[in-house]
Protein backbone atom coordinates (compact mmCIF):
# COMPACT_ATOMS: atom_id res chain seq x y z
CA UNK A 1 0.00 0.00 0.00
CA UNK A 2 1.16 3.50 -0.72
CA UNK A 3 1.12 6.23 1.87
CA UNK A 4 -0.40 9.69 1.65
CA UNK A 5 0.38 12.85 3.58
CA UNK A 6 -2.77 14.77 4.49
CA UNK A 7 -2.40 18.44 5.49
CA UNK A 8 -5.20 20.63 6.87
CA UNK A 9 -5.30 23.79 4.72
CA UNK A 10 -8.53 25.51 5.77
CA UNK A 11 -10.29 26.05 9.08
CA UNK A 12 -12.91 23.64 10.37
CA UNK A 13 -14.91 26.51 11.89
CA UNK A 14 -18.45 26.72 10.43
CA UNK A 15 -18.24 23.19 8.99
CA UNK A 16 -20.77 20.45 9.53
CA UNK A 17 -20.41 18.14 12.50
CA UNK A 18 -19.73 15.21 10.16
CA UNK A 19 -16.79 17.03 8.56
CA UNK A 20 -15.38 17.99 11.96
CA UNK A 21 -15.60 14.36 13.07
CA UNK A 22 -13.79 13.18 9.92
CA UNK A 23 -10.97 15.66 10.55
CA UNK A 24 -10.74 14.51 14.17
CA UNK A 25 -10.64 10.86 13.11
CA UNK A 26 -7.82 11.64 10.67
CA UNK A 27 -5.91 13.33 13.49
CA UNK A 28 -5.97 16.86 12.04
CA UNK A 29 -6.44 19.59 14.64
CA UNK A 30 -4.76 22.84 13.62
CA UNK A 31 -4.29 24.46 10.23
CA UNK A 32 -0.99 23.25 8.81
CA UNK A 33 -0.97 20.00 10.77
CA UNK A 34 -0.11 16.89 8.75
CA UNK A 35 -0.52 13.16 9.17
CA UNK A 36 0.77 10.23 7.14
CA UNK A 37 -1.67 7.38 6.54
CA UNK A 38 -1.86 4.25 4.43
CA UNK A 39 -3.92 4.90 1.28
CA UNK A 40 -6.71 2.43 2.08
CA UNK A 41 -10.18 2.85 0.55
CA UNK A 42 -11.51 3.88 3.98
CA UNK A 43 -8.94 6.67 4.44
CA UNK A 44 -9.37 7.90 0.86
CA UNK A 45 -13.14 8.03 1.38
CA UNK A 46 -12.63 10.16 4.48
CA UNK A 47 -10.30 12.46 2.54
CA UNK A 48 -12.90 12.78 -0.23
CA UNK A 49 -15.47 14.02 2.32
CA UNK A 50 -13.18 16.90 3.35
CA UNK A 51 -11.20 17.36 0.13
CA UNK A 52 -12.02 21.09 0.05
CA UNK A 53 -10.27 21.52 3.43
CA UNK A 54 -7.16 19.38 3.00
CA UNK A 55 -4.21 18.88 0.64
CA UNK A 56 -3.02 15.35 -0.10
CA UNK A 57 0.25 14.17 -1.56
CA UNK A 58 1.55 10.67 -2.29
CA UNK A 59 4.67 9.58 -0.44
PDB file of N, CA and C in Angstrom:
ATOM      1  N   UNK A   1       0.836  -1.191   0.000  1.00  0.00           N
ATOM      2  CA  UNK A   1       0.000   0.000   0.000  1.00  0.00           C
ATOM      3  C   UNK A   1       0.877   1.248   0.000  1.00  0.00           C
ATOM      4  N   UNK A   2       0.444   2.227  -0.734  1.00  0.00           N
ATOM      5  CA  UNK A   2       1.163   3.496  -0.725  1.00  0.00           C
ATOM      6  C   UNK A   2       0.697   4.335   0.461  1.00  0.00           C
ATOM      7  N   UNK A   3       1.468   5.335   0.768  1.00  0.00           N
ATOM      8  CA  UNK A   3       1.120   6.229   1.868  1.00  0.00           C
ATOM      9  C   UNK A   3       0.770   7.594   1.290  1.00  0.00           C
ATOM     10  N   UNK A   4      -0.059   8.325   2.024  1.00  0.00           N
ATOM     11  CA  UNK A   4      -0.398   9.689   1.649  1.00  0.00           C
ATOM     12  C   UNK A   4      -0.165  10.605   2.850  1.00  0.00           C
ATOM     13  N   UNK A   5       0.251  11.823   2.553  1.00  0.00           N
ATOM     14  CA  UNK A   5       0.377  12.851   3.580  1.00  0.00           C
ATOM     15  C   UNK A   5      -0.825  13.772   3.424  1.00  0.00           C
ATOM     16  N   UNK A   6      -1.564  13.951   4.498  1.00  0.00           N
ATOM     17  CA  UNK A   6      -2.771  14.768   4.492  1.00  0.00           C
ATOM     18  C   UNK A   6      -2.494  15.987   5.360  1.00  0.00           C
ATOM     19  N   UNK A   7      -2.678  17.195   4.792  1.00  0.00           N
ATOM     20  CA  UNK A   7      -2.403  18.438   5.494  1.00  0.00           C
ATOM     21  C   UNK A   7      -3.665  19.279   5.541  1.00  0.00           C
ATOM     22  N   UNK A   8      -4.025  19.762   6.720  1.00  0.00           N
ATOM     23  CA  UNK A   8      -5.200  20.633   6.869  1.00  0.00           C
ATOM     24  C   UNK A   8      -4.841  22.022   6.365  1.00  0.00           C
ATOM     25  N   UNK A   9      -5.585  22.508   5.352  1.00  0.00           N
ATOM     26  CA  UNK A   9      -5.302  23.789   4.720  1.00  0.00           C
ATOM     27  C   UNK A   9      -6.262  24.887   5.148  1.00  0.00           C
ATOM     28  N   UNK A  10      -7.512  24.520   5.431  1.00  0.00           N
ATOM     29  CA  UNK A  10      -8.527  25.514   5.775  1.00  0.00           C
ATOM     30  C   UNK A  10      -9.121  25.186   7.132  1.00  0.00           C
ATOM     31  N   UNK A  11      -9.731  26.187   7.742  1.00  0.00           N
ATOM     32  CA  UNK A  11     -10.293  26.053   9.082  1.00  0.00           C
ATOM     33  C   UNK A  11     -11.514  25.145   9.090  1.00  0.00           C
ATOM     34  N   UNK A  12     -11.720  24.472  10.219  1.00  0.00           N
ATOM     35  CA  UNK A  12     -12.905  23.643  10.372  1.00  0.00           C
ATOM     36  C   UNK A  12     -14.044  24.394  11.048  1.00  0.00           C
ATOM     37  N   UNK A  13     -13.847  25.681  11.325  1.00  0.00           N
ATOM     38  CA  UNK A  13     -14.911  26.515  11.892  1.00  0.00           C
ATOM     39  C   UNK A  13     -16.022  26.660  10.851  1.00  0.00           C
ATOM     40  N   UNK A  14     -17.260  26.608  11.285  1.00  0.00           N
ATOM     41  CA  UNK A  14     -18.452  26.717  10.428  1.00  0.00           C
ATOM     42  C   UNK A  14     -18.588  25.549   9.458  1.00  0.00           C
ATOM     43  N   UNK A  15     -18.057  24.402   9.796  1.00  0.00           N
ATOM     44  CA  UNK A  15     -18.236  23.192   8.986  1.00  0.00           C
ATOM     45  C   UNK A  15     -19.239  22.296   9.686  1.00  0.00           C
ATOM     46  N   UNK A  16     -19.779  21.356   8.942  1.00  0.00           N
ATOM     47  CA  UNK A  16     -20.770  20.453   9.531  1.00  0.00           C
ATOM     48  C   UNK A  16     -20.106  19.549  10.576  1.00  0.00           C
ATOM     49  N   UNK A  17     -20.933  19.013  11.445  1.00  0.00           N
ATOM     50  CA  UNK A  17     -20.412  18.137  12.501  1.00  0.00           C
ATOM     51  C   UNK A  17     -19.739  16.912  11.893  1.00  0.00           C
ATOM     52  N   UNK A  18     -20.309  16.390  10.809  1.00  0.00           N
ATOM     53  CA  UNK A  18     -19.726  15.211  10.160  1.00  0.00           C
ATOM     54  C   UNK A  18     -18.319  15.507   9.652  1.00  0.00           C
ATOM     55  N   UNK A  19     -18.108  16.680   9.063  1.00  0.00           N
ATOM     56  CA  UNK A  19     -16.786  17.032   8.556  1.00  0.00           C
ATOM     57  C   UNK A  19     -15.806  17.225   9.704  1.00  0.00           C
ATOM     58  N   UNK A  20     -16.252  17.823  10.799  1.00  0.00           N
ATOM     59  CA  UNK A  20     -15.381  17.990  11.959  1.00  0.00           C
ATOM     60  C   UNK A  20     -14.969  16.638  12.531  1.00  0.00           C
ATOM     61  N   UNK A  21     -15.912  15.695  12.561  1.00  0.00           N
ATOM     62  CA  UNK A  21     -15.599  14.363  13.074  1.00  0.00           C
ATOM     63  C   UNK A  21     -14.615  13.628  12.172  1.00  0.00           C
ATOM     64  N   UNK A  22     -14.737  13.807  10.856  1.00  0.00           N
ATOM     65  CA  UNK A  22     -13.794  13.179   9.921  1.00  0.00           C
ATOM     66  C   UNK A  22     -12.399  13.738  10.151  1.00  0.00           C
ATOM     67  N   UNK A  23     -12.281  15.058  10.303  1.00  0.00           N
ATOM     68  CA  UNK A  23     -10.967  15.661  10.552  1.00  0.00           C
ATOM     69  C   UNK A  23     -10.372  15.163  11.862  1.00  0.00           C
ATOM     70  N   UNK A  24     -11.207  15.021  12.883  1.00  0.00           N
ATOM     71  CA  UNK A  24     -10.742  14.514  14.175  1.00  0.00           C
ATOM     72  C   UNK A  24     -10.268  13.073  14.044  1.00  0.00           C
ATOM     73  N   UNK A  25     -11.014  12.263  13.285  1.00  0.00           N
ATOM     74  CA  UNK A  25     -10.641  10.857  13.109  1.00  0.00           C
ATOM     75  C   UNK A  25      -9.333  10.726  12.327  1.00  0.00           C
ATOM     76  N   UNK A  26      -9.081  11.658  11.418  1.00  0.00           N
ATOM     77  CA  UNK A  26      -7.822  11.637  10.673  1.00  0.00           C
ATOM     78  C   UNK A  26      -6.655  12.144  11.518  1.00  0.00           C
ATOM     79  N   UNK A  27      -6.959  12.827  12.617  1.00  0.00           N
ATOM     80  CA  UNK A  27      -5.906  13.332  13.493  1.00  0.00           C
ATOM     81  C   UNK A  27      -5.460  14.735  13.140  1.00  0.00           C
ATOM     82  N   UNK A  28      -6.311  15.493  12.445  1.00  0.00           N
ATOM     83  CA  UNK A  28      -5.970  16.859  12.040  1.00  0.00           C
ATOM     84  C   UNK A  28      -6.662  17.844  12.975  1.00  0.00           C
ATOM     85  N   UNK A  29      -5.877  18.661  13.678  1.00  0.00           N
ATOM     86  CA  UNK A  29      -6.435  19.587  14.641  1.00  0.00           C
ATOM     87  C   UNK A  29      -6.262  21.043  14.231  1.00  0.00           C
ATOM     88  N   UNK A  30      -5.040  21.443  13.943  1.00  0.00           N
ATOM     89  CA  UNK A  30      -4.759  22.838  13.618  1.00  0.00           C
ATOM     90  C   UNK A  30      -4.447  22.980  12.134  1.00  0.00           C
ATOM     91  N   UNK A  31      -4.663  24.181  11.612  1.00  0.00           N
ATOM     92  CA  UNK A  31      -4.291  24.463  10.226  1.00  0.00           C
ATOM     93  C   UNK A  31      -2.790  24.257  10.083  1.00  0.00           C
ATOM     94  N   UNK A  32      -2.401  23.540   9.046  1.00  0.00           N
ATOM     95  CA  UNK A  32      -0.994  23.253   8.812  1.00  0.00           C
ATOM     96  C   UNK A  32      -0.539  21.933   9.390  1.00  0.00           C
ATOM     97  N   UNK A  33      -1.368  21.295  10.205  1.00  0.00           N
ATOM     98  CA  UNK A  33      -0.969  20.002  10.767  1.00  0.00           C
ATOM     99  C   UNK A  33      -1.062  18.927   9.687  1.00  0.00           C
ATOM    100  N   UNK A  34      -0.174  17.961   9.751  1.00  0.00           N
ATOM    101  CA  UNK A  34      -0.106  16.894   8.752  1.00  0.00           C
ATOM    102  C   UNK A  34      -0.071  15.533   9.429  1.00  0.00           C
ATOM    103  N   UNK A  35      -0.607  14.548   8.729  1.00  0.00           N
ATOM    104  CA  UNK A  35      -0.518  13.163   9.168  1.00  0.00           C
ATOM    105  C   UNK A  35      -0.175  12.315   7.949  1.00  0.00           C
ATOM    106  N   UNK A  36       0.470  11.190   8.197  1.00  0.00           N
ATOM    107  CA  UNK A  36       0.767  10.229   7.141  1.00  0.00           C
ATOM    108  C   UNK A  36      -0.046   8.976   7.409  1.00  0.00           C
ATOM    109  N   UNK A  37      -0.791   8.544   6.411  1.00  0.00           N
ATOM    110  CA  UNK A  37      -1.670   7.381   6.542  1.00  0.00           C
ATOM    111  C   UNK A  37      -1.476   6.462   5.345  1.00  0.00           C
ATOM    112  N   UNK A  38      -1.816   5.188   5.545  1.00  0.00           N
ATOM    113  CA  UNK A  38      -1.864   4.246   4.430  1.00  0.00           C
ATOM    114  C   UNK A  38      -3.042   4.634   3.533  1.00  0.00           C
ATOM    115  N   UNK A  39      -2.884   4.501   2.240  1.00  0.00           N
ATOM    116  CA  UNK A  39      -3.921   4.898   1.278  1.00  0.00           C
ATOM    117  C   UNK A  39      -4.942   3.776   1.100  1.00  0.00           C
ATOM    118  N   UNK A  40      -5.660   3.448   2.158  1.00  0.00           N
ATOM    119  CA  UNK A  40      -6.706   2.434   2.084  1.00  0.00           C
ATOM    120  C   UNK A  40      -7.979   3.077   1.542  1.00  0.00           C
ATOM    121  N   UNK A  41      -8.916   2.285   1.040  1.00  0.00           N
ATOM    122  CA  UNK A  41     -10.177   2.854   0.553  1.00  0.00           C
ATOM    123  C   UNK A  41     -10.926   3.632   1.634  1.00  0.00           C
ATOM    124  N   UNK A  42     -10.825   3.193   2.892  1.00  0.00           N
ATOM    125  CA  UNK A  42     -11.509   3.884   3.979  1.00  0.00           C
ATOM    126  C   UNK A  42     -10.922   5.278   4.197  1.00  0.00           C
ATOM    127  N   UNK A  43      -9.602   5.372   4.233  1.00  0.00           N
ATOM    128  CA  UNK A  43      -8.942   6.666   4.436  1.00  0.00           C
ATOM    129  C   UNK A  43      -9.206   7.585   3.253  1.00  0.00           C
ATOM    130  N   UNK A  44      -9.137   7.064   2.039  1.00  0.00           N
ATOM    131  CA  UNK A  44      -9.367   7.902   0.863  1.00  0.00           C
ATOM    132  C   UNK A  44     -10.813   8.385   0.797  1.00  0.00           C
ATOM    133  N   UNK A  45     -11.749   7.591   1.301  1.00  0.00           N
ATOM    134  CA  UNK A  45     -13.138   8.026   1.380  1.00  0.00           C
ATOM    135  C   UNK A  45     -13.298   9.165   2.372  1.00  0.00           C
ATOM    136  N   UNK A  46     -12.583   9.082   3.490  1.00  0.00           N
ATOM    137  CA  UNK A  46     -12.628  10.157   4.476  1.00  0.00           C
ATOM    138  C   UNK A  46     -12.028  11.432   3.894  1.00  0.00           C
ATOM    139  N   UNK A  47     -10.937  11.293   3.171  1.00  0.00           N
ATOM    140  CA  UNK A  47     -10.299  12.457   2.544  1.00  0.00           C
ATOM    141  C   UNK A  47     -11.238  13.080   1.511  1.00  0.00           C
ATOM    142  N   UNK A  48     -11.966  12.261   0.781  1.00  0.00           N
ATOM    143  CA  UNK A  48     -12.898  12.784  -0.229  1.00  0.00           C
ATOM    144  C   UNK A  48     -13.991  13.631   0.417  1.00  0.00           C
ATOM    145  N   UNK A  49     -14.422  13.268   1.620  1.00  0.00           N
ATOM    146  CA  UNK A  49     -15.466  14.024   2.317  1.00  0.00           C
ATOM    147  C   UNK A  49     -15.002  15.425   2.708  1.00  0.00           C
ATOM    148  N   UNK A  50     -13.707  15.596   2.935  1.00  0.00           N
ATOM    149  CA  UNK A  50     -13.182  16.903   3.349  1.00  0.00           C
ATOM    150  C   UNK A  50     -12.113  17.404   2.370  1.00  0.00           C
ATOM    151  N   UNK A  51     -12.222  17.016   1.122  1.00  0.00           N
ATOM    152  CA  UNK A  51     -11.196  17.356   0.134  1.00  0.00           C
ATOM    153  C   UNK A  51     -11.039  18.863  -0.064  1.00  0.00           C
ATOM    154  N   UNK A  52     -12.092  19.629   0.204  1.00  0.00           N
ATOM    155  CA  UNK A  52     -12.016  21.092   0.051  1.00  0.00           C
ATOM    156  C   UNK A  52     -11.275  21.748   1.216  1.00  0.00           C
ATOM    157  N   UNK A  53     -10.962  20.984   2.255  1.00  0.00           N
ATOM    158  CA  UNK A  53     -10.272  21.515   3.427  1.00  0.00           C
ATOM    159  C   UNK A  53      -8.832  21.050   3.539  1.00  0.00           C
ATOM    160  N   UNK A  54      -8.478  19.975   2.829  1.00  0.00           N
ATOM    161  CA  UNK A  54      -7.158  19.376   2.995  1.00  0.00           C
ATOM    162  C   UNK A  54      -6.399  19.314   1.672  1.00  0.00           C
ATOM    163  N   UNK A  55      -5.081  19.108   1.799  1.00  0.00           N
ATOM    164  CA  UNK A  55      -4.214  18.876   0.643  1.00  0.00           C
ATOM    165  C   UNK A  55      -3.603  17.492   0.837  1.00  0.00           C
ATOM    166  N   UNK A  56      -3.620  16.683  -0.198  1.00  0.00           N
ATOM    167  CA  UNK A  56      -3.018  15.348  -0.103  1.00  0.00           C
ATOM    168  C   UNK A  56      -1.860  15.226  -1.074  1.00  0.00           C
ATOM    169  N   UNK A  57      -0.872  14.446  -0.671  1.00  0.00           N
ATOM    170  CA  UNK A  57       0.255  14.167  -1.558  1.00  0.00           C
ATOM    171  C   UNK A  57       0.723  12.743  -1.303  1.00  0.00           C
ATOM    172  N   UNK A  58       1.055  12.046  -2.380  1.00  0.00           N
ATOM    173  CA  UNK A  58       1.552  10.674  -2.286  1.00  0.00           C
ATOM    174  C   UNK A  58       2.981  10.697  -1.776  1.00  0.00           C
ATOM    175  N   UNK A  59       3.310   9.689  -0.978  1.00  0.00           N
ATOM    176  CA  UNK A  59       4.673   9.576  -0.441  1.00  0.00           C
ATOM    177  C   UNK A  59       5.358   8.386  -1.095  1.00  0.00           C
TER     178      UNK A  59
END
